[in-house]
Amino acid sequence: MDGATGFWNALDKAFPDTKHQRCWVHKVKNVLNCFPKQMAVAVKSDLDDIQHAETRSEAETALTVFSEKYGVIPTALWADFFCPLPGCD
């Protein structure tokens, strides 16, 4: 979801049970905005480990490594970025 509200409103009307999820590009950009620019390459690489994990378990392990490495991310951003893992409710 990138803020194109007209599309999402129409989708909700046609398919009311559809779940919304922001695209990874926007999620990564939001997270990178929380870090100094000189950290961007390392942070993006660690986010890629989460995104490209082959299983939920691997993604959760990568997420744990990320959170231990970088500390706390603001709660709203954390939920926006990480909760839409498959099966996360």
PDB file of N, CA and C in Angstrom:
ATOM      1  N   MET A   1       0.845  -1.163   0.000  1.00  0.00           N
ATOM      2  CA  MET A   1       0.000   0.000   0.000  1.00  0.00           C
ATOM      3  C   MET A   1       0.892   1.229   0.000  1.00  0.00           C
ATOM      4  N   ASP A   2       0.666   2.126  -0.911  1.00  0.00           N
ATOM      5  CA  ASP A   2       1.555   3.279  -1.026  1.00  0.00           C
ATOM      6  C   ASP A   2       0.824   4.604  -0.874  1.00  0.00           C
ATOM      7  N   GLY A   3      -0.360   4.587  -0.337  1.00  0.00           N
ATOM      8  CA  GLY A   3      -1.087   5.830  -0.145  1.00  0.00           C
ATOM      9  C   GLY A   3      -2.067   6.154  -1.244  1.00  0.00           C
ATOM     10  N   ALA A   4      -2.167   5.326  -2.261  1.00  0.00           N
ATOM     11  CA  ALA A   4      -3.127   5.544  -3.345  1.00  0.00           C
ATOM     12  C   ALA A   4      -4.511   5.148  -2.829  1.00  0.00           C
ATOM     13  N   THR A   5      -5.121   6.038  -2.077  1.00  0.00           N
ATOM     14  CA  THR A   5      -6.342   5.689  -1.348  1.00  0.00           C
ATOM     15  C   THR A   5      -7.523   5.369  -2.252  1.00  0.00           C
ATOM     16  N   GLY A   6      -7.595   5.983  -3.425  1.00  0.00           N
ATOM     17  CA  GLY A   6      -8.710   5.676  -4.332  1.00  0.00           C
ATOM     18  C   GLY A   6      -8.729   4.211  -4.715  1.00  0.00           C
ATOM     19  N   PHE A   7      -7.552   3.669  -5.024  1.00  0.00           N
ATOM     20  CA  PHE A   7      -7.443   2.252  -5.371  1.00  0.00           C
ATOM     21  C   PHE A   7      -7.895   1.378  -4.211  1.00  0.00           C
ATOM     22  N   TRP A   8      -7.388   1.682  -2.999  1.00  0.00           N
ATOM     23  CA  TRP A   8      -7.704   0.844  -1.842  1.00  0.00           C
ATOM     24  C   TRP A   8      -9.175   0.954  -1.451  1.00  0.00           C
ATOM     25  N   ASN A   9      -9.762   2.130  -1.610  1.00  0.00           N
ATOM     26  CA  ASN A   9     -11.189   2.287  -1.334  1.00  0.00           C
ATOM     27  C   ASN A   9     -12.022   1.461  -2.301  1.00  0.00           C
ATOM     28  N   ALA A  10     -11.648   1.474  -3.580  1.00  0.00           N
ATOM     29  CA  ALA A  10     -12.361   0.673  -4.577  1.00  0.00           C
ATOM     30  C   ALA A  10     -12.177  -0.814  -4.295  1.00  0.00           C
ATOM     31  N   LEU A  11     -10.979  -1.209  -3.921  1.00  0.00           N
ATOM     32  CA  LEU A  11     -10.710  -2.614  -3.603  1.00  0.00           C
ATOM     33  C   LEU A  11     -11.557  -3.066  -2.420  1.00  0.00           C
ATOM     34  N   ASP A  12     -11.628  -2.230  -1.380  1.00  0.00           N
ATOM     35  CA  ASP A  12     -12.448  -2.560  -0.206  1.00  0.00           C
ATOM     36  C   ASP A  12     -13.921  -2.711  -0.569  1.00  0.00           C
ATOM     37  N   LYS A  13     -14.367  -1.878  -1.480  1.00  0.00           N
ATOM     38  CA  LYS A  13     -15.773  -1.935  -1.890  1.00  0.00           C
ATOM     39  C   LYS A  13     -16.058  -3.221  -2.668  1.00  0.00           C
ATOM     40  N   ALA A  14     -15.155  -3.580  -3.557  1.00  0.00           N
ATOM     41  CA  ALA A  14     -15.352  -4.774  -4.388  1.00  0.00           C
ATOM     42  C   ALA A  14     -15.026  -6.059  -3.630  1.00  0.00           C
ATOM     43  N   PHE A  15     -14.018  -6.008  -2.772  1.00  0.00           N
ATOM     44  CA  PHE A  15     -13.559  -7.193  -2.036  1.00  0.00           C
ATOM     45  C   PHE A  15     -13.353  -6.815  -0.570  1.00  0.00           C
ATOM     46  N   PRO A  16     -14.432  -6.755   0.198  1.00  0.00           N
ATOM     47  CA  PRO A  16     -14.348  -6.233   1.560  1.00  0.00           C
ATOM     48  C   PRO A  16     -13.450  -7.033   2.514  1.00  0.00           C
ATOM     49  N   ASP A  17     -13.162  -8.274   2.221  1.00  0.00           N
ATOM     50  CA  ASP A  17     -12.330  -9.082   3.115  1.00  0.00           C
ATOM     51  C   ASP A  17     -10.843  -9.021   2.776  1.00  0.00           C
ATOM     52  N   THR A  18     -10.486  -8.222   1.762  1.00  0.00           N
ATOM     53  CA  THR A  18      -9.094  -8.125   1.348  1.00  0.00           C
ATOM     54  C   THR A  18      -8.275  -7.424   2.416  1.00  0.00           C
ATOM     55  N   LYS A  19      -7.101  -8.008   2.736  1.00  0.00           N
ATOM     56  CA  LYS A  19      -6.188  -7.380   3.692  1.00  0.00           C
ATOM     57  C   LYS A  19      -5.208  -6.498   2.928  1.00  0.00           C
ATOM     58  N   HIS A  20      -4.848  -5.379   3.524  1.00  0.00           N
ATOM     59  CA  HIS A  20      -3.893  -4.452   2.923  1.00  0.00           C
ATOM     60  C   HIS A  20      -2.511  -4.710   3.498  1.00  0.00           C
ATOM     61  N   GLN A  21      -1.510  -4.529   2.674  1.00  0.00           N
ATOM     62  CA  GLN A  21      -0.132  -4.625   3.131  1.00  0.00           C
ATOM     63  C   GLN A  21       0.702  -3.639   2.333  1.00  0.00           C
ATOM     64  N   ARG A  22       1.516  -2.869   3.025  1.00  0.00           N
ATOM     65  CA  ARG A  22       2.398  -1.928   2.325  1.00  0.00           C
ATOM     66  C   ARG A  22       3.424  -2.719   1.547  1.00  0.00           C
ATOM     67  N   CYS A  23       3.881  -2.153   0.463  1.00  0.00           N
ATOM     68  CA  CYS A  23       4.912  -2.832  -0.319  1.00  0.00           C
ATOM     69  C   CYS A  23       6.248  -2.744   0.415  1.00  0.00           C
ATOM     70  N   TRP A  24       7.136  -3.698   0.129  1.00  0.00           N
ATOM     71  CA  TRP A  24       8.423  -3.761   0.811  1.00  0.00           C
ATOM     72  C   TRP A  24       9.271  -2.526   0.540  1.00  0.00           C
ATOM     73  N   VAL A  25       9.174  -1.957  -0.643  1.00  0.00           N
ATOM     74  CA  VAL A  25       9.977  -0.775  -0.956  1.00  0.00           C
ATOM     75  C   VAL A  25       9.653   0.348   0.025  1.00  0.00           C
ATOM     76  N   HIS A  26       8.363   0.594   0.242  1.00  0.00           N
ATOM     77  CA  HIS A  26       7.969   1.662   1.151  1.00  0.00           C
ATOM     78  C   HIS A  26       8.307   1.312   2.594  1.00  0.00           C
ATOM     79  N   LYS A  27       8.173   0.053   2.965  1.00  0.00           N
ATOM     80  CA  LYS A  27       8.523  -0.360   4.323  1.00  0.00           C
ATOM     81  C   LYS A  27      10.009  -0.144   4.579  1.00  0.00           C
ATOM     82  N   VAL A  28      10.841  -0.560   3.644  1.00  0.00           N
ATOM     83  CA  VAL A  28      12.290  -0.412   3.798  1.00  0.00           C
ATOM     84  C   VAL A  28      12.645   1.072   3.889  1.00  0.00           C
ATOM     85  N   LYS A  29      12.059   1.890   3.025  1.00  0.00           N
ATOM     86  CA  LYS A  29      12.345   3.328   3.069  1.00  0.00           C
ATOM     87  C   LYS A  29      11.968   3.921   4.415  1.00  0.00           C
ATOM     88  N   ASN A  30      10.832   3.523   4.967  1.00  0.00           N
ATOM     89  CA  ASN A  30      10.416   4.024   6.275  1.00  0.00           C
ATOM     90  C   ASN A  30      11.403   3.627   7.360  1.00  0.00           C
ATOM     91  N   VAL A  31      11.864   2.388   7.340  1.00  0.00           N
ATOM     92  CA  VAL A  31      12.831   1.947   8.340  1.00  0.00           C
ATOM     93  C   VAL A  31      14.151   2.684   8.156  1.00  0.00           C
ATOM     94  N   LEU A  32      14.625   2.789   6.914  1.00  0.00           N
ATOM     95  CA  LEU A  32      15.899   3.463   6.667  1.00  0.00           C
ATOM     96  C   LEU A  32      15.879   4.922   7.124  1.00  0.00           C
ATOM     97  N   ASN A  33      14.713   5.538   7.095  1.00  0.00           N
ATOM     98  CA  ASN A  33      14.589   6.918   7.567  1.00  0.00           C
ATOM     99  C   ASN A  33      14.846   7.046   9.065  1.00  0.00           C
ATOM    100  N   CYS A  34      14.814   5.939   9.792  1.00  0.00           N
ATOM    101  CA  CYS A  34      15.044   5.947  11.238  1.00  0.00           C
ATOM    102  C   CYS A  34      16.523   5.813  11.593  1.00  0.00           C
ATOM    103  N   PHE A  35      17.370   5.635  10.592  1.00  0.00           N
ATOM    104  CA  PHE A  35      18.793   5.409  10.825  1.00  0.00           C
ATOM    105  C   PHE A  35      19.621   6.476  10.122  1.00  0.00           C
ATOM    106  N   PRO A  36      20.840   6.733  10.641  1.00  0.00           N
ATOM    107  CA  PRO A  36      21.742   7.636   9.931  1.00  0.00           C
ATOM    108  C   PRO A  36      22.063   7.082   8.540  1.00  0.00           C
ATOM    109  N   LYS A  37      22.240   7.970   7.583  1.00  0.00           N
ATOM    110  CA  LYS A  37      22.475   7.544   6.194  1.00  0.00           C
ATOM    111  C   LYS A  37      23.681   6.621   6.051  1.00  0.00           C
ATOM    112  N   GLN A  38      24.716   6.813   6.872  1.00  0.00           N
ATOM    113  CA  GLN A  38      25.903   5.973   6.751  1.00  0.00           C
ATOM    114  C   GLN A  38      25.625   4.522   7.156  1.00  0.00           C
ATOM    115  N   MET A  39      24.502   4.258   7.808  1.00  0.00           N
ATOM    116  CA  MET A  39      24.137   2.893   8.192  1.00  0.00           C
ATOM    117  C   MET A  39      23.231   2.222   7.165  1.00  0.00           C
ATOM    118  N   ALA A  40      22.792   2.947   6.147  1.00  0.00           N
ATOM    119  CA  ALA A  40      21.757   2.469   5.231  1.00  0.00           C
ATOM    120  C   ALA A  40      22.107   1.148   4.559  1.00  0.00           C
ATOM    121  N   VAL A  41      23.327   0.988   4.088  1.00  0.00           N
ATOM    122  CA  VAL A  41      23.692  -0.239   3.371  1.00  0.00           C
ATOM    123  C   VAL A  41      23.585  -1.450   4.292  1.00  0.00           C
ATOM    124  N   ALA A  42      24.103  -1.340   5.517  1.00  0.00           N
ATOM    125  CA  ALA A  42      24.053  -2.463   6.459  1.00  0.00           C
ATOM    126  C   ALA A  42      22.623  -2.768   6.895  1.00  0.00           C
ATOM    127  N   VAL A  43      21.854  -1.723   7.187  1.00  0.00           N
ATOM    128  CA  VAL A  43      20.467  -1.922   7.622  1.00  0.00           C
ATOM    129  C   VAL A  43      19.659  -2.563   6.499  1.00  0.00           C
ATOM    130  N   LYS A  44      19.811  -2.075   5.275  1.00  0.00           N
ATOM    131  CA  LYS A  44      19.062  -2.644   4.147  1.00  0.00           C
ATOM    132  C   LYS A  44      19.439  -4.103   3.943  1.00  0.00           C
ATOM    133  N   SER A  45      20.698  -4.435   4.075  1.00  0.00           N
ATOM    134  CA  SER A  45      21.130  -5.826   3.929  1.00  0.00           C
ATOM    135  C   SER A  45      20.456  -6.709   4.971  1.00  0.00           C
ATOM    136  N   ASP A  46      20.383  -6.221   6.206  1.00  0.00           N
ATOM    137  CA  ASP A  46      19.742  -7.003   7.260  1.00  0.00           C
ATOM    138  C   ASP A  46      18.230  -7.111   7.040  1.00  0.00           C
ATOM    139  N   LEU A  47      17.621  -6.070   6.508  1.00  0.00           N
ATOM    140  CA  LEU A  47      16.190  -6.141   6.170  1.00  0.00           C
ATOM    141  C   LEU A  47      15.960  -7.140   5.036  1.00  0.00           C
ATOM    142  N   ASP A  48      16.887  -7.175   4.091  1.00  0.00           N
ATOM    143  CA  ASP A  48      16.778  -8.141   2.994  1.00  0.00           C
ATOM    144  C   ASP A  48      16.815  -9.580   3.518  1.00  0.00           C
ATOM    145  N   ASP A  49      17.592  -9.816   4.581  1.00  0.00           N
ATOM    146  CA  ASP A  49      17.629 -11.154   5.178  1.00  0.00           C
ATOM    147  C   ASP A  49      16.250 -11.560   5.684  1.00  0.00           C
ATOM    148  N   ILE A  50      15.498 -10.600   6.188  1.00  0.00           N
ATOM    149  CA  ILE A  50      14.136 -10.884   6.658  1.00  0.00           C
ATOM    150  C   ILE A  50      13.227 -11.111   5.458  1.00  0.00           C
ATOM    151  N   GLN A  51      13.270 -10.191   4.514  1.00  0.00           N
ATOM    152  CA  GLN A  51      12.377 -10.245   3.355  1.00  0.00           C
ATOM    153  C   GLN A  51      12.585 -11.505   2.525  1.00  0.00           C
ATOM    154  N   HIS A  52      13.831 -11.935   2.368  1.00  0.00           N
ATOM    155  CA  HIS A  52      14.124 -13.049   1.469  1.00  0.00           C
ATOM    156  C   HIS A  52      14.283 -14.387   2.183  1.00  0.00           C
ATOM    157  N   ALA A  53      13.901 -14.437   3.438  1.00  0.00           N
ATOM    158  CA  ALA A  53      13.951 -15.705   4.167  1.00  0.00           C
ATOM    159  C   ALA A  53      13.027 -16.709   3.485  1.00  0.00           C
ATOM    160  N   GLU A  54      13.440 -17.951   3.444  1.00  0.00           N
ATOM    161  CA  GLU A  54      12.644 -18.965   2.753  1.00  0.00           C
ATOM    162  C   GLU A  54      11.508 -19.509   3.601  1.00  0.00           C
ATOM    163  N   THR A  55      11.603 -19.368   4.917  1.00  0.00           N
ATOM    164  CA  THR A  55      10.534 -19.852   5.797  1.00  0.00           C
ATOM    165  C   THR A  55      10.202 -18.773   6.819  1.00  0.00           C
ATOM    166  N   ARG A  56       9.057 -18.899   7.434  1.00  0.00           N
ATOM    167  CA  ARG A  56       8.676 -17.972   8.503  1.00  0.00           C
ATOM    168  C   ARG A  56       9.694 -18.049   9.640  1.00  0.00           C
ATOM    169  N   SER A  57      10.142 -19.253   9.957  1.00  0.00           N
ATOM    170  CA  SER A  57      11.118 -19.423  11.029  1.00  0.00           C
ATOM    171  C   SER A  57      12.409 -18.663  10.732  1.00  0.00           C
ATOM    172  N   GLU A  58      12.888 -18.753   9.492  1.00  0.00           N
ATOM    173  CA  GLU A  58      14.096 -18.021   9.100  1.00  0.00           C
ATOM    174  C   GLU A  58      13.865 -16.510   9.169  1.00  0.00           C
ATOM    175  N   ALA A  59      12.682 -16.067   8.784  1.00  0.00           N
ATOM    176  CA  ALA A  59      12.356 -14.641   8.852  1.00  0.00           C
ATOM    177  C   ALA A  59      12.334 -14.173  10.306  1.00  0.00           C
ATOM    178  N   GLU A  60      11.764 -14.976  11.181  1.00  0.00           N
ATOM    179  CA  GLU A  60      11.714 -14.609  12.596  1.00  0.00           C
ATOM    180  C   GLU A  60      13.121 -14.578  13.206  1.00  0.00           C
ATOM    181  N   THR A  61      13.976 -15.500  12.800  1.00  0.00           N
ATOM    182  CA  THR A  61      15.366 -15.498  13.278  1.00  0.00           C
ATOM    183  C   THR A  61      16.082 -14.242  12.802  1.00  0.00           C
ATOM    184  N   ALA A  62      15.902 -13.907  11.519  1.00  0.00           N
ATOM    185  CA  ALA A  62      16.523 -12.694  10.971  1.00  0.00           C
ATOM    186  C   ALA A  62      15.977 -11.449  11.661  1.00  0.00           C
ATOM    187  N   LEU A  63      14.699 -11.456  11.991  1.00  0.00           N
ATOM    188  CA  LEU A  63      14.085 -10.346  12.705  1.00  0.00           C
ATOM    189  C   LEU A  63      14.691 -10.200  14.101  1.00  0.00           C
ATOM    190  N   THR A  64      14.905 -11.314  14.782  1.00  0.00           N
ATOM    191  CA  THR A  64      15.529 -11.282  16.101  1.00  0.00           C
ATOM    192  C   THR A  64      16.947 -10.718  16.015  1.00  0.00           C
ATOM    193  N   VAL A  65      17.704 -11.184  15.016  1.00  0.00           N
ATOM    194  CA  VAL A  65      19.068 -10.669  14.815  1.00  0.00           C
ATOM    195  C   VAL A  65      19.023  -9.168  14.560  1.00  0.00           C
ATOM    196  N   PHE A  66      18.095  -8.737  13.707  1.00  0.00           N
ATOM    197  CA  PHE A  66      17.956  -7.315  13.389  1.00  0.00           C
ATOM    198  C   PHE A  66      17.653  -6.512  14.653  1.00  0.00           C
ATOM    199  N   SER A  67      16.677  -6.948  15.432  1.00  0.00           N
ATOM    200  CA  SER A  67      16.285  -6.175  16.608  1.00  0.00           C
ATOM    201  C   SER A  67      17.386  -6.155  17.665  1.00  0.00           C
ATOM    202  N   GLU A  68      18.152  -7.256  17.793  1.00  0.00           N
ATOM    203  CA  GLU A  68      19.268  -7.269  18.745  1.00  0.00           C
ATOM    204  C   GLU A  68      20.409  -6.368  18.262  1.00  0.00           C
ATOM    205  N   LYS A  69      20.618  -6.326  16.967  1.00  0.00           N
ATOM    206  CA  LYS A  69      21.710  -5.548  16.399  1.00  0.00           C
ATOM    207  C   LYS A  69      21.451  -4.042  16.467  1.00  0.00           C
ATOM    208  N   TYR A  70      20.203  -3.640  16.194  1.00  0.00           N
ATOM    209  CA  TYR A  70      19.899  -2.222  16.076  1.00  0.00           C
ATOM    210  C   TYR A  70      19.086  -1.656  17.231  1.00  0.00           C
ATOM    211  N   GLY A  71      18.601  -2.488  18.122  1.00  0.00           N
ATOM    212  CA  GLY A  71      17.819  -1.989  19.240  1.00  0.00           C
ATOM    213  C   GLY A  71      16.374  -1.744  18.853  1.00  0.00           C
ATOM    214  N   VAL A  72      15.732  -0.902  19.611  1.00  0.00           N
ATOM    215  CA  VAL A  72      14.296  -0.691  19.464  1.00  0.00           C
ATOM    216  C   VAL A  72      14.003   0.243  18.292  1.00  0.00           C
ATOM    217  N   ILE A  73      13.009  -0.136  17.510  1.00  0.00           N
ATOM    218  CA  ILE A  73      12.468   0.712  16.445  1.00  0.00           C
ATOM    219  C   ILE A  73      11.125   1.216  16.966  1.00  0.00           C
ATOM    220  N   PRO A  74      10.724   2.450  16.660  1.00  0.00           N
ATOM    221  CA  PRO A  74       9.423   2.933  17.130  1.00  0.00           C
ATOM    222  C   PRO A  74       8.309   1.927  16.853  1.00  0.00           C
ATOM    223  N   THR A  75       7.458   1.712  17.843  1.00  0.00           N
ATOM    224  CA  THR A  75       6.442   0.659  17.803  1.00  0.00           C
ATOM    225  C   THR A  75       5.581   0.686  16.541  1.00  0.00           C
ATOM    226  N   ALA A  76       5.103   1.848  16.146  1.00  0.00           N
ATOM    227  CA  ALA A  76       4.234   1.922  14.961  1.00  0.00           C
ATOM    228  C   ALA A  76       4.975   1.467  13.713  1.00  0.00           C
ATOM    229  N   LEU A  77       6.217   1.866  13.575  1.00  0.00           N
ATOM    230  CA  LEU A  77       7.001   1.460  12.418  1.00  0.00           C
ATOM    231  C   LEU A  77       7.287  -0.031  12.468  1.00  0.00           C
ATOM    232  N   TRP A  78       7.623  -0.532  13.645  1.00  0.00           N
ATOM    233  CA  TRP A  78       7.879  -1.964  13.830  1.00  0.00           C
ATOM    234  C   TRP A  78       6.667  -2.769  13.377  1.00  0.00           C
ATOM    235  N   ALA A  79       5.490  -2.401  13.855  1.00  0.00           N
ATOM    236  CA  ALA A  79       4.264  -3.126  13.500  1.00  0.00           C
ATOM    237  C   ALA A  79       3.996  -3.018  12.003  1.00  0.00           C
ATOM    238  N   ASP A  80       4.182  -1.838  11.444  1.00  0.00           N
ATOM    239  CA  ASP A  80       3.933  -1.640  10.017  1.00  0.00           C
ATOM    240  C   ASP A  80       4.865  -2.494   9.179  1.00  0.00           C
ATOM    241  N   PHE A  81       6.106  -2.583   9.597  1.00  0.00           N
ATOM    242  CA  PHE A  81       7.082  -3.302   8.787  1.00  0.00           C
ATOM    243  C   PHE A  81       7.006  -4.803   8.981  1.00  0.00           C
ATOM    244  N   PHE A  82       6.916  -5.252  10.209  1.00  0.00           N
ATOM    245  CA  PHE A  82       7.098  -6.669  10.486  1.00  0.00           C
ATOM    246  C   PHE A  82       5.819  -7.468  10.694  1.00  0.00           C
ATOM    247  N   CYS A  83       4.756  -6.869  11.119  1.00  0.00           N
ATOM    248  CA  CYS A  83       3.566  -7.667  11.386  1.00  0.00           C
ATOM    249  C   CYS A  83       2.986  -8.336  10.152  1.00  0.00           C
ATOM    250  N   PRO A  84       3.055  -7.738   8.973  1.00  0.00           N
ATOM    251  CA  PRO A  84       2.464  -8.417   7.820  1.00  0.00           C
ATOM    252  C   PRO A  84       3.208  -9.660   7.321  1.00  0.00           C
ATOM    253  N   LEU A  85       4.064 -10.253   8.163  1.00  0.00           N
ATOM    254  CA  LEU A  85       4.590 -11.568   7.791  1.00  0.00           C
ATOM    255  C   LEU A  85       3.415 -12.523   7.620  1.00  0.00           C
ATOM    256  N   PRO A  86       3.500 -13.493   6.724  1.00  0.00           N
ATOM    257  CA  PRO A  86       2.369 -14.413   6.537  1.00  0.00           C
ATOM    258  C   PRO A  86       1.953 -15.047   7.862  1.00  0.00           C
ATOM    259  N   GLY A  87       0.669 -14.974   8.143  1.00  0.00           N
ATOM    260  CA  GLY A  87       0.125 -15.571   9.363  1.00  0.00           C
ATOM    261  C   GLY A  87       0.159 -14.661  10.567  1.00  0.00           C
ATOM    262  N   CYS A  88       0.668 -13.441  10.411  1.00  0.00           N
ATOM    263  CA  CYS A  88       0.748 -12.514  11.528  1.00  0.00           C
ATOM    264  C   CYS A  88      -0.586 -11.780  11.649  1.00  0.00           C
ATOM    265  N   ASP A  89      -1.210 -11.893  12.765  1.00  0.00           N
ATOM    266  CA  ASP A  89      -2.485 -11.191  12.980  1.00  0.00           C
ATOM    267  C   ASP A  89      -2.447 -10.382  14.245  1.00  0.00           C
TER     268      ASP A  89
END
